[in-house]
Amino acid sequence: MEKILFFEKPGCRNNARQKAMLELSGNPVEAVSILDYPWTKEELAPFLGEKPAAECLNPSAPAVKSGEVDPEALTKEEAIEMMVREPILIKRPLMKIGQRCLQGFDTATLREIISLDAVPGAENVVRSLKMTDLDSCPLNSGFSCTNPEH
């Protein structure tokens, strides 16, 4: 199995569930802080693929939630420049599996690349994780991407 380079926001509950599903399916995961990684435009762009700028930005980022940043008004180049400067704007997770770069936790796409079947003894936990939305941010008005505990 190939190691998964998993770019996360430390303390993010959804990223923790996503990593757990990967690990309990027997996939080795190396977690890296998306906030501390020294991003460049050239390195970030492959994770975003052909998606429009609005789909690449984290809708729960404080600047997006407040309206300070309007993802719909940005070009892809402008969005990438902003995300390099302020990595909290990057929609998570980013994953590198072999040569494939992915943004978001799309289980259908992941199943094309790796196994998401539980290792023996972890079936119930993986089954419970599959019943939750692992791609959407579960934040509500009481939480923020700037709070390291959420």
C-alpha atoms as a PDB file:
ATOM      1  CA  MET A   1       0.000   0.000   0.000  1.00  0.00           C
ATOM      2  CA  GLU A   2       1.111   3.491  -0.754  1.00  0.00           C
ATOM      3  CA  LYS A   3       1.451   5.993   2.026  1.00  0.00           C
ATOM      4  CA  ILE A   4      -1.143   8.763   1.951  1.00  0.00           C
ATOM      5  CA  LEU A   5       0.208  12.247   2.508  1.00  0.00           C
ATOM      6  CA  PHE A   6      -2.770  13.839   4.277  1.00  0.00           C
ATOM      7  CA  PHE A   7      -2.834  17.628   4.597  1.00  0.00           C
ATOM      8  CA  GLU A   8      -5.112  18.539   7.499  1.00  0.00           C
ATOM      9  CA  LYS A   9      -5.930  21.316   9.893  1.00  0.00           C
ATOM     10  CA  PRO A  10      -4.721  19.958  13.235  1.00  0.00           C
ATOM     11  CA  GLY A  11      -7.669  19.600  15.586  1.00  0.00           C
ATOM     12  CA  CYS A  12     -10.293  19.468  12.818  1.00  0.00           C
ATOM     13  CA  ARG A  13     -12.867  16.851  13.814  1.00  0.00           C
ATOM     14  CA  ASN A  14     -13.764  15.938  10.252  1.00  0.00           C
ATOM     15  CA  ASN A  15     -10.110  15.501   9.275  1.00  0.00           C
ATOM     16  CA  ALA A  16      -9.695  13.212  12.314  1.00  0.00           C
ATOM     17  CA  ARG A  17     -12.627  11.032  11.144  1.00  0.00           C
ATOM     18  CA  GLN A  18     -11.268  10.969   7.594  1.00  0.00           C
ATOM     19  CA  LYS A  19      -7.811   9.863   8.776  1.00  0.00           C
ATOM     20  CA  ALA A  20      -9.376   7.222  11.027  1.00  0.00           C
ATOM     21  CA  MET A  21     -11.289   5.728   8.109  1.00  0.00           C
ATOM     22  CA  LEU A  22      -8.139   5.605   5.991  1.00  0.00           C
ATOM     23  CA  GLU A  23      -6.041   4.068   8.775  1.00  0.00           C
ATOM     24  CA  LEU A  24      -8.706   1.558   9.862  1.00  0.00           C
ATOM     25  CA  SER A  25      -8.844   0.469   6.228  1.00  0.00           C
ATOM     26  CA  GLY A  26      -5.155  -0.413   6.403  1.00  0.00           C
ATOM     27  CA  ASN A  27      -3.810   2.652   4.633  1.00  0.00           C
ATOM     28  CA  PRO A  28      -0.664   4.246   6.062  1.00  0.00           C
ATOM     29  CA  VAL A  29      -1.253   7.972   6.622  1.00  0.00           C
ATOM     30  CA  GLU A  30       1.284  10.719   7.157  1.00  0.00           C
ATOM     31  CA  ALA A  31      -0.516  13.800   8.472  1.00  0.00           C
ATOM     32  CA  VAL A  32       0.864  17.242   7.652  1.00  0.00           C
ATOM     33  CA  SER A  33      -0.491  20.569   8.873  1.00  0.00           C
ATOM     34  CA  ILE A  34      -2.053  22.356   5.910  1.00  0.00           C
ATOM     35  CA  LEU A  35      -1.538  25.606   7.836  1.00  0.00           C
ATOM     36  CA  ASP A  36       2.199  25.179   8.424  1.00  0.00           C
ATOM     37  CA  TYR A  37       3.201  23.630   5.101  1.00  0.00           C
ATOM     38  CA  PRO A  38       5.196  26.051   2.879  1.00  0.00           C
ATOM     39  CA  TRP A  39       2.794  26.088  -0.094  1.00  0.00           C
ATOM     40  CA  THR A  40       3.717  27.382  -3.527  1.00  0.00           C
ATOM     41  CA  LYS A  41       1.306  28.000  -6.400  1.00  0.00           C
ATOM     42  CA  GLU A  42       2.991  25.245  -8.401  1.00  0.00           C
ATOM     43  CA  GLU A  43       2.601  22.699  -5.615  1.00  0.00           C
ATOM     44  CA  LEU A  44      -0.971  23.588  -4.656  1.00  0.00           C
ATOM     45  CA  ALA A  45      -2.452  23.747  -8.174  1.00  0.00           C
ATOM     46  CA  PRO A  46      -2.394  19.955  -8.914  1.00  0.00           C
ATOM     47  CA  PHE A  47      -4.559  19.279  -5.843  1.00  0.00           C
ATOM     48  CA  LEU A  48      -7.237  21.632  -7.159  1.00  0.00           C
ATOM     49  CA  GLY A  49      -7.448  20.151 -10.633  1.00  0.00           C
ATOM     50  CA  GLU A  50      -9.894  21.705 -13.076  1.00  0.00           C
ATOM     51  CA  LYS A  51     -12.429  22.769 -10.443  1.00  0.00           C
ATOM     52  CA  PRO A  52     -13.573  26.389 -10.446  1.00  0.00           C
ATOM     53  CA  ALA A  53     -12.080  28.640  -7.780  1.00  0.00           C
ATOM     54  CA  ALA A  54     -15.249  28.624  -5.673  1.00  0.00           C
ATOM     55  CA  GLU A  55     -15.059  24.835  -5.223  1.00  0.00           C
ATOM     56  CA  CYS A  56     -11.439  25.002  -4.045  1.00  0.00           C
ATOM     57  CA  LEU A  57     -11.948  27.407  -1.173  1.00  0.00           C
ATOM     58  CA  ASN A  58     -12.947  26.335   2.317  1.00  0.00           C
ATOM     59  CA  PRO A  59     -16.519  27.601   2.838  1.00  0.00           C
ATOM     60  CA  SER A  60     -15.963  27.490   6.627  1.00  0.00           C
ATOM     61  CA  ALA A  61     -12.893  29.734   6.562  1.00  0.00           C
ATOM     62  CA  PRO A  62     -13.571  32.867   8.610  1.00  0.00           C
ATOM     63  CA  ALA A  63     -12.900  35.229   5.671  1.00  0.00           C
ATOM     64  CA  VAL A  64     -15.354  33.308   3.471  1.00  0.00           C
ATOM     65  CA  LYS A  65     -18.025  33.030   6.176  1.00  0.00           C
ATOM     66  CA  SER A  66     -17.790  36.753   6.943  1.00  0.00           C
ATOM     67  CA  GLY A  67     -18.078  37.706   3.271  1.00  0.00           C
ATOM     68  CA  GLU A  68     -14.618  39.287   3.216  1.00  0.00           C
ATOM     69  CA  VAL A  69     -13.678  36.757   0.501  1.00  0.00           C
ATOM     70  CA  ASP A  70     -16.218  35.983  -2.224  1.00  0.00           C
ATOM     71  CA  PRO A  71     -15.138  32.690  -3.841  1.00  0.00           C
ATOM     72  CA  GLU A  72     -17.467  33.278  -6.813  1.00  0.00           C
ATOM     73  CA  ALA A  73     -15.699  36.539  -7.668  1.00  0.00           C
ATOM     74  CA  LEU A  74     -12.197  35.050  -7.868  1.00  0.00           C
ATOM     75  CA  THR A  75     -10.302  33.681 -10.817  1.00  0.00           C
ATOM     76  CA  LYS A  76      -8.514  30.387 -10.237  1.00  0.00           C
ATOM     77  CA  GLU A  77      -5.168  32.193 -10.196  1.00  0.00           C
ATOM     78  CA  GLU A  78      -6.406  34.731  -7.617  1.00  0.00           C
ATOM     79  CA  ALA A  79      -7.801  31.931  -5.447  1.00  0.00           C
ATOM     80  CA  ILE A  80      -4.535  29.993  -5.549  1.00  0.00           C
ATOM     81  CA  GLU A  81      -2.545  33.094  -4.622  1.00  0.00           C
ATOM     82  CA  MET A  82      -4.878  33.727  -1.665  1.00  0.00           C
ATOM     83  CA  MET A  83      -4.686  30.103  -0.496  1.00  0.00           C
ATOM     84  CA  VAL A  84      -0.874  30.141  -0.630  1.00  0.00           C
ATOM     85  CA  ARG A  85      -0.865  33.274   1.560  1.00  0.00           C
ATOM     86  CA  GLU A  86      -3.668  32.081   3.867  1.00  0.00           C
ATOM     87  CA  PRO A  87      -3.808  28.248   3.917  1.00  0.00           C
ATOM     88  CA  ILE A  88      -6.947  28.291   6.134  1.00  0.00           C
ATOM     89  CA  LEU A  89      -8.725  29.155   2.859  1.00  0.00           C
ATOM     90  CA  ILE A  90      -7.828  25.765   1.340  1.00  0.00           C
ATOM     91  CA  LYS A  91     -10.718  23.293   1.338  1.00  0.00           C
ATOM     92  CA  ARG A  92      -9.544  20.213   3.217  1.00  0.00           C
ATOM     93  CA  PRO A  93      -8.251  17.613   3.139  1.00  0.00           C
ATOM     94  CA  LEU A  94      -5.625  17.538   0.462  1.00  0.00           C
ATOM     95  CA  MET A  95      -4.209  14.069  -0.166  1.00  0.00           C
ATOM     96  CA  LYS A  96      -1.328  12.800  -2.235  1.00  0.00           C
ATOM     97  CA  ILE A  97      -1.483   9.099  -3.012  1.00  0.00           C
ATOM     98  CA  GLY A  98       1.372   8.047  -5.259  1.00  0.00           C
ATOM     99  CA  GLN A  99       1.320  10.638  -8.033  1.00  0.00           C
ATOM    100  CA  ARG A 100      -2.395  11.480  -7.563  1.00  0.00           C
ATOM    101  CA  CYS A 101      -3.322  14.730  -5.867  1.00  0.00           C
ATOM    102  CA  LEU A 102      -6.842  15.064  -4.446  1.00  0.00           C
ATOM    103  CA  GLN A 103      -8.847  17.752  -2.716  1.00  0.00           C
ATOM    104  CA  GLY A 104     -11.790  16.738  -0.527  1.00  0.00           C
ATOM    105  CA  PHE A 105     -12.789  13.331   0.782  1.00  0.00           C
ATOM    106  CA  ASP A 106     -14.729  11.740  -2.067  1.00  0.00           C
ATOM    107  CA  THR A 107     -15.039   8.062  -1.128  1.00  0.00           C
ATOM    108  CA  ALA A 108     -15.982   7.036  -4.692  1.00  0.00           C
ATOM    109  CA  THR A 109     -12.754   8.535  -6.033  1.00  0.00           C
ATOM    110  CA  LEU A 110     -10.734   7.112  -3.155  1.00  0.00           C
ATOM    111  CA  ARG A 111     -12.116   3.602  -3.807  1.00  0.00           C
ATOM    112  CA  GLU A 112     -10.704   3.809  -7.343  1.00  0.00           C
ATOM    113  CA  ILE A 113      -7.239   4.326  -5.871  1.00  0.00           C
ATOM    114  CA  ILE A 114      -7.131   2.540  -2.499  1.00  0.00           C
ATOM    115  CA  SER A 115      -9.126   0.132  -0.383  1.00  0.00           C
ATOM    116  CA  LEU A 116     -11.583   1.559   2.121  1.00  0.00           C
ATOM    117  CA  ASP A 117     -12.516  -1.887   3.437  1.00  0.00           C
ATOM    118  CA  ALA A 118     -11.956  -2.254   7.161  1.00  0.00           C
ATOM    119  CA  VAL A 119      -9.076  -4.274   8.502  1.00  0.00           C
ATOM    120  CA  PRO A 120     -10.158  -7.218  10.708  1.00  0.00           C
ATOM    121  CA  GLY A 121     -11.581  -5.959  13.997  1.00  0.00           C
ATOM    122  CA  ALA A 122     -12.336  -2.442  12.737  1.00  0.00           C
ATOM    123  CA  GLU A 123     -15.457  -3.251  10.725  1.00  0.00           C
ATOM    124  CA  ASN A 124     -17.950  -1.591  13.094  1.00  0.00           C
ATOM    125  CA  VAL A 125     -15.962   1.616  13.392  1.00  0.00           C
ATOM    126  CA  VAL A 126     -15.467   1.920   9.631  1.00  0.00           C
ATOM    127  CA  ARG A 127     -19.158   1.133   9.068  1.00  0.00           C
ATOM    128  CA  SER A 128     -20.139   3.943  11.463  1.00  0.00           C
ATOM    129  CA  LEU A 129     -17.784   6.348   9.690  1.00  0.00           C
ATOM    130  CA  LYS A 130     -19.325   5.443   6.334  1.00  0.00           C
ATOM    131  CA  MET A 131     -22.713   6.543   7.681  1.00  0.00           C
ATOM    132  CA  THR A 132     -21.507  10.113   8.188  1.00  0.00           C
ATOM    133  CA  ASP A 133     -20.730  12.790   5.625  1.00  0.00           C
ATOM    134  CA  LEU A 134     -16.945  12.829   5.648  1.00  0.00           C
ATOM    135  CA  ASP A 135     -16.539  15.536   3.022  1.00  0.00           C
ATOM    136  CA  SER A 136     -18.713  18.391   4.309  1.00  0.00           C
ATOM    137  CA  CYS A 137     -17.582  20.481   7.242  1.00  0.00           C
ATOM    138  CA  PRO A 138     -19.781  19.866  10.297  1.00  0.00           C
ATOM    139  CA  LEU A 139     -19.180  23.362  11.658  1.00  0.00           C
ATOM    140  CA  ASN A 140     -22.093  25.281  13.053  1.00  0.00           C
ATOM    141  CA  SER A 141     -22.342  28.749  14.528  1.00  0.00           C
ATOM    142  CA  GLY A 142     -20.519  27.633  17.683  1.00  0.00           C
ATOM    143  CA  PHE A 143     -17.320  26.586  15.922  1.00  0.00           C
ATOM    144  CA  SER A 144     -14.717  28.230  13.751  1.00  0.00           C
ATOM    145  CA  CYS A 145     -11.768  27.172  11.628  1.00  0.00           C
ATOM    146  CA  THR A 146      -9.621  29.476  13.775  1.00  0.00           C
ATOM    147  CA  ASN A 147     -10.372  27.471  16.938  1.00  0.00           C
ATOM    148  CA  PRO A 148      -7.708  24.739  17.169  1.00  0.00           C
ATOM    149  CA  GLU A 149     -10.055  22.450  19.126  1.00  0.00           C
ATOM    150  CA  HIS A 150     -12.620  22.103  16.311  1.00  0.00           C
END
